[in-house]
Amino acid sequence: MKKVLMLLANGVEPMEMAAFTDILGWADLVGDEKIELVIAGLREEITSTFGLVIRPNRQLADLDLNAFDSLALPGGFEPSGFYEEALSEPFLETIRHFVEADKLVASVCVSSLCLGRAGVLHARQATVYHQVGGRRKQQLVETGATFVDQPVVRDGKLITSTGPGTASEVAFLLVEMLTNASNAARLREKMRFPTPSEAWFTTPQVPAA
């Protein structure tokens, strides 16, 4: 059995969180290898970006991080206070622990900024949500990352992506890396998720003028 820690910050994006809970949940139920998902936070109740109240089943401080095979990090919104916890030292130290242990870390949207702030993206390829003007892109580059304008970017055991619409692909890639490609493909079929076109995987967020 593989064990995944999903770490939530206050202000988390619900769709990005749900992609991990659903796809890893299906993998545990119908996949060819069990995957246990543990959802943790820094507080007993978390208010998501759109007001949904979430009660993580564990507190980060109570966990043995060595018991996990992978870390999953949904993103969130700045006005909802996401960065107050997502860039806090307990979050950053958790990221460092998984990277130093050579374990998988899968992030969605702006949670790649957490990886950058933790110091694990120096000279690594990564992406982040960005718009015209590129404020988030610049923040990522300032951490030493090499920015790649693609929906999902994998550099070794680090996965980064660009927004809520990429969350399911990140989760499927995580299943593939934890188990195998055929398991992820069967799971996609059972859940009725189409496979994106090759063009989807290479289309930039902000087209050239």
C-alpha atoms as a PDB file:
ATOM      1  CA  MET A   1       0.000   0.000   0.000  1.00  0.00           C
ATOM      2  CA  LYS A   2       1.124   3.529  -0.836  1.00  0.00           C
ATOM      3  CA  LYS A   3       0.349   6.386   1.538  1.00  0.00           C
ATOM      4  CA  VAL A   4      -0.191  10.004   0.445  1.00  0.00           C
ATOM      5  CA  LEU A   5      -0.340  13.070   2.661  1.00  0.00           C
ATOM      6  CA  MET A   6      -2.511  15.906   1.338  1.00  0.00           C
ATOM      7  CA  LEU A   7      -1.617  19.061   3.240  1.00  0.00           C
ATOM      8  CA  LEU A   8      -4.258  21.799   3.293  1.00  0.00           C
ATOM      9  CA  ALA A   9      -3.819  25.481   4.017  1.00  0.00           C
ATOM     10  CA  ASN A  10      -6.649  27.779   5.009  1.00  0.00           C
ATOM     11  CA  GLY A  11      -8.060  29.289   1.804  1.00  0.00           C
ATOM     12  CA  VAL A  12      -7.484  26.105  -0.232  1.00  0.00           C
ATOM     13  CA  GLU A  13      -9.119  25.801  -3.671  1.00  0.00           C
ATOM     14  CA  PRO A  14     -11.888  23.129  -3.324  1.00  0.00           C
ATOM     15  CA  MET A  15     -11.636  21.739  -6.874  1.00  0.00           C
ATOM     16  CA  GLU A  16      -7.904  21.197  -6.575  1.00  0.00           C
ATOM     17  CA  MET A  17      -8.375  19.395  -3.282  1.00  0.00           C
ATOM     18  CA  ALA A  18     -11.266  17.309  -4.667  1.00  0.00           C
ATOM     19  CA  ALA A  19      -9.177  16.022  -7.574  1.00  0.00           C
ATOM     20  CA  PHE A  20      -6.833  14.322  -5.119  1.00  0.00           C
ATOM     21  CA  THR A  21      -9.585  13.026  -2.820  1.00  0.00           C
ATOM     22  CA  ASP A  22     -11.642  11.554  -5.674  1.00  0.00           C
ATOM     23  CA  ILE A  23      -8.944  10.129  -7.920  1.00  0.00           C
ATOM     24  CA  LEU A  24      -6.845   8.719  -5.094  1.00  0.00           C
ATOM     25  CA  GLY A  25     -10.035   7.446  -3.472  1.00  0.00           C
ATOM     26  CA  TRP A  26     -11.032   5.600  -6.638  1.00  0.00           C
ATOM     27  CA  ALA A  27      -7.487   4.271  -6.928  1.00  0.00           C
ATOM     28  CA  ASP A  28      -7.754   2.853  -3.424  1.00  0.00           C
ATOM     29  CA  LEU A  29     -11.136   1.236  -4.161  1.00  0.00           C
ATOM     30  CA  VAL A  30     -10.707  -0.134  -7.684  1.00  0.00           C
ATOM     31  CA  GLY A  31      -7.009   0.221  -8.556  1.00  0.00           C
ATOM     32  CA  ASP A  32      -4.513  -2.630  -8.649  1.00  0.00           C
ATOM     33  CA  GLU A  33      -2.648  -1.245  -5.616  1.00  0.00           C
ATOM     34  CA  LYS A  34      -4.078   0.360  -2.492  1.00  0.00           C
ATOM     35  CA  ILE A  35      -3.428   4.081  -1.960  1.00  0.00           C
ATOM     36  CA  GLU A  36      -4.311   5.608   1.395  1.00  0.00           C
ATOM     37  CA  LEU A  37      -4.897   9.369   1.436  1.00  0.00           C
ATOM     38  CA  VAL A  38      -4.462  11.222   4.731  1.00  0.00           C
ATOM     39  CA  ILE A  39      -5.749  14.810   4.814  1.00  0.00           C
ATOM     40  CA  ALA A  40      -4.007  17.102   7.280  1.00  0.00           C
ATOM     41  CA  GLY A  41      -3.834  20.760   8.201  1.00  0.00           C
ATOM     42  CA  LEU A  42      -2.496  23.124  10.817  1.00  0.00           C
ATOM     43  CA  ARG A  43      -5.910  23.677  12.384  1.00  0.00           C
ATOM     44  CA  GLU A  44      -9.030  21.666  13.170  1.00  0.00           C
ATOM     45  CA  GLU A  45     -11.197  23.580  10.681  1.00  0.00           C
ATOM     46  CA  ILE A  46     -10.185  25.101   7.360  1.00  0.00           C
ATOM     47  CA  THR A  47     -12.293  27.552   5.374  1.00  0.00           C
ATOM     48  CA  SER A  48     -11.801  27.078   1.644  1.00  0.00           C
ATOM     49  CA  THR A  49     -11.604  29.794  -0.981  1.00  0.00           C
ATOM     50  CA  PHE A  50     -15.367  29.774  -1.493  1.00  0.00           C
ATOM     51  CA  GLY A  51     -16.441  29.321   2.108  1.00  0.00           C
ATOM     52  CA  LEU A  52     -16.651  25.533   2.359  1.00  0.00           C
ATOM     53  CA  VAL A  53     -15.613  24.485   5.872  1.00  0.00           C
ATOM     54  CA  ILE A  54     -13.304  21.448   5.914  1.00  0.00           C
ATOM     55  CA  ARG A  55     -12.253  19.350   8.882  1.00  0.00           C
ATOM     56  CA  PRO A  56      -8.952  17.594   8.082  1.00  0.00           C
ATOM     57  CA  ASN A  57      -8.824  14.111   9.569  1.00  0.00           C
ATOM     58  CA  ARG A  58      -5.357  14.713  11.060  1.00  0.00           C
ATOM     59  CA  GLN A  59      -3.195  17.548  12.322  1.00  0.00           C
ATOM     60  CA  LEU A  60       0.229  17.944  10.732  1.00  0.00           C
ATOM     61  CA  ALA A  61       1.995  18.112  14.086  1.00  0.00           C
ATOM     62  CA  ASP A  62       0.690  14.659  15.022  1.00  0.00           C
ATOM     63  CA  LEU A  63       2.004  12.846  11.938  1.00  0.00           C
ATOM     64  CA  ASP A  64       5.132  10.800  11.282  1.00  0.00           C
ATOM     65  CA  LEU A  65       6.134  12.068   7.839  1.00  0.00           C
ATOM     66  CA  ASN A  66       8.383   9.064   7.321  1.00  0.00           C
ATOM     67  CA  ALA A  67       5.246   6.903   7.004  1.00  0.00           C
ATOM     68  CA  PHE A  68       4.228   8.583   3.727  1.00  0.00           C
ATOM     69  CA  ASP A  69       5.277   7.940   0.124  1.00  0.00           C
ATOM     70  CA  SER A  70       4.101  11.221  -1.360  1.00  0.00           C
ATOM     71  CA  LEU A  71       2.920  14.753  -0.613  1.00  0.00           C
ATOM     72  CA  ALA A  72      -0.022  16.412  -2.415  1.00  0.00           C
ATOM     73  CA  LEU A  73      -0.477  20.194  -2.300  1.00  0.00           C
ATOM     74  CA  PRO A  74      -3.612  21.908  -3.644  1.00  0.00           C
ATOM     75  CA  GLY A  75      -3.375  25.642  -4.231  1.00  0.00           C
ATOM     76  CA  GLY A  76      -5.574  28.496  -3.043  1.00  0.00           C
ATOM     77  CA  PHE A  77      -6.382  32.201  -3.208  1.00  0.00           C
ATOM     78  CA  GLU A  78      -4.460  35.071  -1.648  1.00  0.00           C
ATOM     79  CA  PRO A  79      -7.608  37.024  -0.554  1.00  0.00           C
ATOM     80  CA  SER A  80      -8.716  33.917   1.367  1.00  0.00           C
ATOM     81  CA  GLY A  81      -5.466  33.864   3.345  1.00  0.00           C
ATOM     82  CA  PHE A  82      -3.923  30.885   1.549  1.00  0.00           C
ATOM     83  CA  TYR A  83      -0.326  32.097   1.687  1.00  0.00           C
ATOM     84  CA  GLU A  84      -0.433  32.808   5.425  1.00  0.00           C
ATOM     85  CA  GLU A  85      -0.341  29.062   6.098  1.00  0.00           C
ATOM     86  CA  ALA A  86       0.964  27.726   2.790  1.00  0.00           C
ATOM     87  CA  LEU A  87       4.183  29.736   3.143  1.00  0.00           C
ATOM     88  CA  SER A  88       4.530  29.145   6.876  1.00  0.00           C
ATOM     89  CA  GLU A  89       7.505  27.241   8.204  1.00  0.00           C
ATOM     90  CA  PRO A  90       5.539  24.054   9.107  1.00  0.00           C
ATOM     91  CA  PHE A  91       4.400  23.798   5.458  1.00  0.00           C
ATOM     92  CA  LEU A  92       7.821  24.568   4.023  1.00  0.00           C
ATOM     93  CA  GLU A  93       9.585  22.167   6.354  1.00  0.00           C
ATOM     94  CA  THR A  94       7.167  19.412   5.331  1.00  0.00           C
ATOM     95  CA  ILE A  95       8.007  20.000   1.674  1.00  0.00           C
ATOM     96  CA  ARG A  96      11.730  19.893   2.417  1.00  0.00           C
ATOM     97  CA  HIS A  97      11.295  16.634   4.321  1.00  0.00           C
ATOM     98  CA  PHE A  98       9.670  14.892   1.343  1.00  0.00           C
ATOM     99  CA  VAL A  99      12.155  16.236  -1.188  1.00  0.00           C
ATOM    100  CA  GLU A 100      15.180  15.380   0.955  1.00  0.00           C
ATOM    101  CA  ALA A 101      13.762  11.866   1.365  1.00  0.00           C
ATOM    102  CA  ASP A 102      13.481  11.598  -2.464  1.00  0.00           C
ATOM    103  CA  LYS A 103       9.702  11.179  -2.349  1.00  0.00           C
ATOM    104  CA  LEU A 104       7.040  12.420  -4.767  1.00  0.00           C
ATOM    105  CA  VAL A 105       5.621  15.918  -4.335  1.00  0.00           C
ATOM    106  CA  ALA A 106       2.595  16.876  -6.463  1.00  0.00           C
ATOM    107  CA  SER A 107       1.458  20.496  -6.458  1.00  0.00           C
ATOM    108  CA  VAL A 108      -1.382  22.292  -8.216  1.00  0.00           C
ATOM    109  CA  CYS A 109      -1.607  25.926  -9.313  1.00  0.00           C
ATOM    110  CA  VAL A 110       0.098  28.423  -6.970  1.00  0.00           C
ATOM    111  CA  SER A 111       1.229  25.767  -4.501  1.00  0.00           C
ATOM    112  CA  SER A 112       4.375  25.524  -6.630  1.00  0.00           C
ATOM    113  CA  LEU A 113       5.285  28.841  -4.996  1.00  0.00           C
ATOM    114  CA  CYS A 114       5.454  26.898  -1.737  1.00  0.00           C
ATOM    115  CA  LEU A 115       7.971  24.521  -3.317  1.00  0.00           C
ATOM    116  CA  GLY A 116       9.966  27.513  -4.501  1.00  0.00           C
ATOM    117  CA  ARG A 117       9.902  29.206  -1.104  1.00  0.00           C
ATOM    118  CA  ALA A 118      10.983  25.910   0.484  1.00  0.00           C
ATOM    119  CA  GLY A 119      14.101  26.090  -1.698  1.00  0.00           C
ATOM    120  CA  VAL A 120      13.539  22.862  -3.636  1.00  0.00           C
ATOM    121  CA  LEU A 121      13.049  24.272  -7.145  1.00  0.00           C
ATOM    122  CA  HIS A 122      16.508  25.769  -7.742  1.00  0.00           C
ATOM    123  CA  ALA A 123      17.552  24.832 -11.305  1.00  0.00           C
ATOM    124  CA  ARG A 124      14.436  22.638 -11.609  1.00  0.00           C
ATOM    125  CA  GLN A 125      11.722  22.982 -14.257  1.00  0.00           C
ATOM    126  CA  ALA A 126       8.365  24.093 -12.888  1.00  0.00           C
ATOM    127  CA  THR A 127       5.215  26.035 -13.696  1.00  0.00           C
ATOM    128  CA  VAL A 128       2.601  28.058 -11.846  1.00  0.00           C
ATOM    129  CA  TYR A 129      -0.687  29.843 -12.486  1.00  0.00           C
ATOM    130  CA  HIS A 130      -0.014  33.131 -14.248  1.00  0.00           C
ATOM    131  CA  GLN A 131      -1.721  35.806 -16.293  1.00  0.00           C
ATOM    132  CA  VAL A 132      -0.647  38.662 -18.516  1.00  0.00           C
ATOM    133  CA  GLY A 133       1.958  40.537 -16.505  1.00  0.00           C
ATOM    134  CA  GLY A 134       3.283  37.338 -14.973  1.00  0.00           C
ATOM    135  CA  ARG A 135       3.423  38.242 -11.259  1.00  0.00           C
ATOM    136  CA  ARG A 136       3.216  34.626 -10.073  1.00  0.00           C
ATOM    137  CA  LYS A 137       5.581  33.525 -12.820  1.00  0.00           C
ATOM    138  CA  GLN A 138       8.127  36.099 -11.651  1.00  0.00           C
ATOM    139  CA  GLN A 139       7.735  34.964  -8.052  1.00  0.00           C
ATOM    140  CA  LEU A 140       8.470  31.394  -9.131  1.00  0.00           C
ATOM    141  CA  VAL A 141      11.514  32.370 -11.183  1.00  0.00           C
ATOM    142  CA  GLU A 142      12.879  34.388  -8.249  1.00  0.00           C
ATOM    143  CA  THR A 143      13.134  31.136  -6.265  1.00  0.00           C
ATOM    144  CA  GLY A 144      15.566  29.739  -8.834  1.00  0.00           C
ATOM    145  CA  ALA A 145      13.100  27.679 -10.852  1.00  0.00           C
ATOM    146  CA  THR A 146      13.208  27.381 -14.633  1.00  0.00           C
ATOM    147  CA  PHE A 147       9.700  28.380 -15.722  1.00  0.00           C
ATOM    148  CA  VAL A 148       7.993  26.166 -18.323  1.00  0.00           C
ATOM    149  CA  ASP A 149       4.689  27.446 -19.719  1.00  0.00           C
ATOM    150  CA  GLN A 150       2.837  24.129 -19.884  1.00  0.00           C
ATOM    151  CA  PRO A 151      -0.232  22.901 -17.959  1.00  0.00           C
ATOM    152  CA  VAL A 152       1.631  20.143 -16.099  1.00  0.00           C
ATOM    153  CA  VAL A 153       5.393  19.989 -15.623  1.00  0.00           C
ATOM    154  CA  ARG A 154       7.276  17.045 -14.146  1.00  0.00           C
ATOM    155  CA  ASP A 155      10.892  17.339 -13.105  1.00  0.00           C
ATOM    156  CA  GLY A 156      11.995  14.093 -11.537  1.00  0.00           C
ATOM    157  CA  LYS A 157       9.757  13.487  -8.534  1.00  0.00           C
ATOM    158  CA  LEU A 158       8.335  17.017  -8.494  1.00  0.00           C
ATOM    159  CA  ILE A 159       5.047  17.832 -10.252  1.00  0.00           C
ATOM    160  CA  THR A 160       3.786  21.390 -10.738  1.00  0.00           C
ATOM    161  CA  SER A 161       0.770  22.671 -12.665  1.00  0.00           C
ATOM    162  CA  THR A 162      -1.118  25.800 -13.633  1.00  0.00           C
ATOM    163  CA  GLY A 163      -4.646  25.841 -12.207  1.00  0.00           C
ATOM    164  CA  PRO A 164      -7.816  24.005 -11.137  1.00  0.00           C
ATOM    165  CA  GLY A 165      -8.309  22.550 -14.618  1.00  0.00           C
ATOM    166  CA  THR A 166      -5.000  20.697 -14.324  1.00  0.00           C
ATOM    167  CA  ALA A 167      -5.676  19.137 -10.917  1.00  0.00           C
ATOM    168  CA  SER A 168      -7.101  15.866 -12.229  1.00  0.00           C
ATOM    169  CA  GLU A 169      -4.108  15.380 -14.534  1.00  0.00           C
ATOM    170  CA  VAL A 170      -1.750  15.947 -11.619  1.00  0.00           C
ATOM    171  CA  ALA A 171      -3.658  13.363  -9.576  1.00  0.00           C
ATOM    172  CA  PHE A 172      -3.576  10.787 -12.392  1.00  0.00           C
ATOM    173  CA  LEU A 173       0.148  11.388 -12.882  1.00  0.00           C
ATOM    174  CA  LEU A 174       0.653  10.900  -9.152  1.00  0.00           C
ATOM    175  CA  VAL A 175      -1.197   7.557  -9.328  1.00  0.00           C
ATOM    176  CA  GLU A 176       0.945   6.541 -12.298  1.00  0.00           C
ATOM    177  CA  MET A 177       4.174   7.417 -10.486  1.00  0.00           C
ATOM    178  CA  LEU A 178       3.090   5.685  -7.280  1.00  0.00           C
ATOM    179  CA  THR A 179       1.903   2.521  -9.054  1.00  0.00           C
ATOM    180  CA  ASN A 180       2.127   2.169 -12.842  1.00  0.00           C
ATOM    181  CA  ALA A 181       0.840   3.669 -16.086  1.00  0.00           C
ATOM    182  CA  SER A 182      -1.656   0.906 -16.859  1.00  0.00           C
ATOM    183  CA  ASN A 183      -3.260   1.302 -13.442  1.00  0.00           C
ATOM    184  CA  ALA A 184      -3.684   5.051 -13.994  1.00  0.00           C
ATOM    185  CA  ALA A 185      -5.110   4.453 -17.484  1.00  0.00           C
ATOM    186  CA  ARG A 186      -7.671   1.918 -16.206  1.00  0.00           C
ATOM    187  CA  LEU A 187      -8.637   4.287 -13.425  1.00  0.00           C
ATOM    188  CA  ARG A 188      -9.133   7.126 -15.927  1.00  0.00           C
ATOM    189  CA  GLU A 189     -11.397   4.870 -17.997  1.00  0.00           C
ATOM    190  CA  LYS A 190     -13.450   3.757 -14.986  1.00  0.00           C
ATOM    191  CA  MET A 191     -13.937   7.369 -13.893  1.00  0.00           C
ATOM    192  CA  ARG A 192     -14.851   8.471 -17.460  1.00  0.00           C
ATOM    193  CA  PHE A 193     -12.050  11.016 -17.661  1.00  0.00           C
ATOM    194  CA  PRO A 194     -10.940  11.669 -21.248  1.00  0.00           C
ATOM    195  CA  THR A 195      -7.237  11.830 -22.016  1.00  0.00           C
ATOM    196  CA  PRO A 196      -6.287  15.372 -23.083  1.00  0.00           C
ATOM    197  CA  SER A 197      -4.839  15.882 -26.534  1.00  0.00           C
ATOM    198  CA  GLU A 198      -1.121  16.323 -27.076  1.00  0.00           C
ATOM    199  CA  ALA A 199      -1.839  19.986 -27.835  1.00  0.00           C
ATOM    200  CA  TRP A 200      -3.388  20.437 -24.373  1.00  0.00           C
ATOM    201  CA  PHE A 201      -0.134  19.419 -22.719  1.00  0.00           C
ATOM    202  CA  THR A 202       1.912  21.980 -24.686  1.00  0.00           C
ATOM    203  CA  THR A 203      -0.410  24.979 -24.959  1.00  0.00           C
ATOM    204  CA  PRO A 204       0.891  28.021 -23.024  1.00  0.00           C
ATOM    205  CA  GLN A 205      -1.365  29.829 -20.567  1.00  0.00           C
ATOM    206  CA  VAL A 206      -0.665  33.233 -22.029  1.00  0.00           C
ATOM    207  CA  PRO A 207      -0.382  33.036 -25.826  1.00  0.00           C
ATOM    208  CA  ALA A 208       2.285  35.127 -27.495  1.00  0.00           C
ATOM    209  CA  ALA A 209       1.007  38.486 -28.759  1.00  0.00           C
END
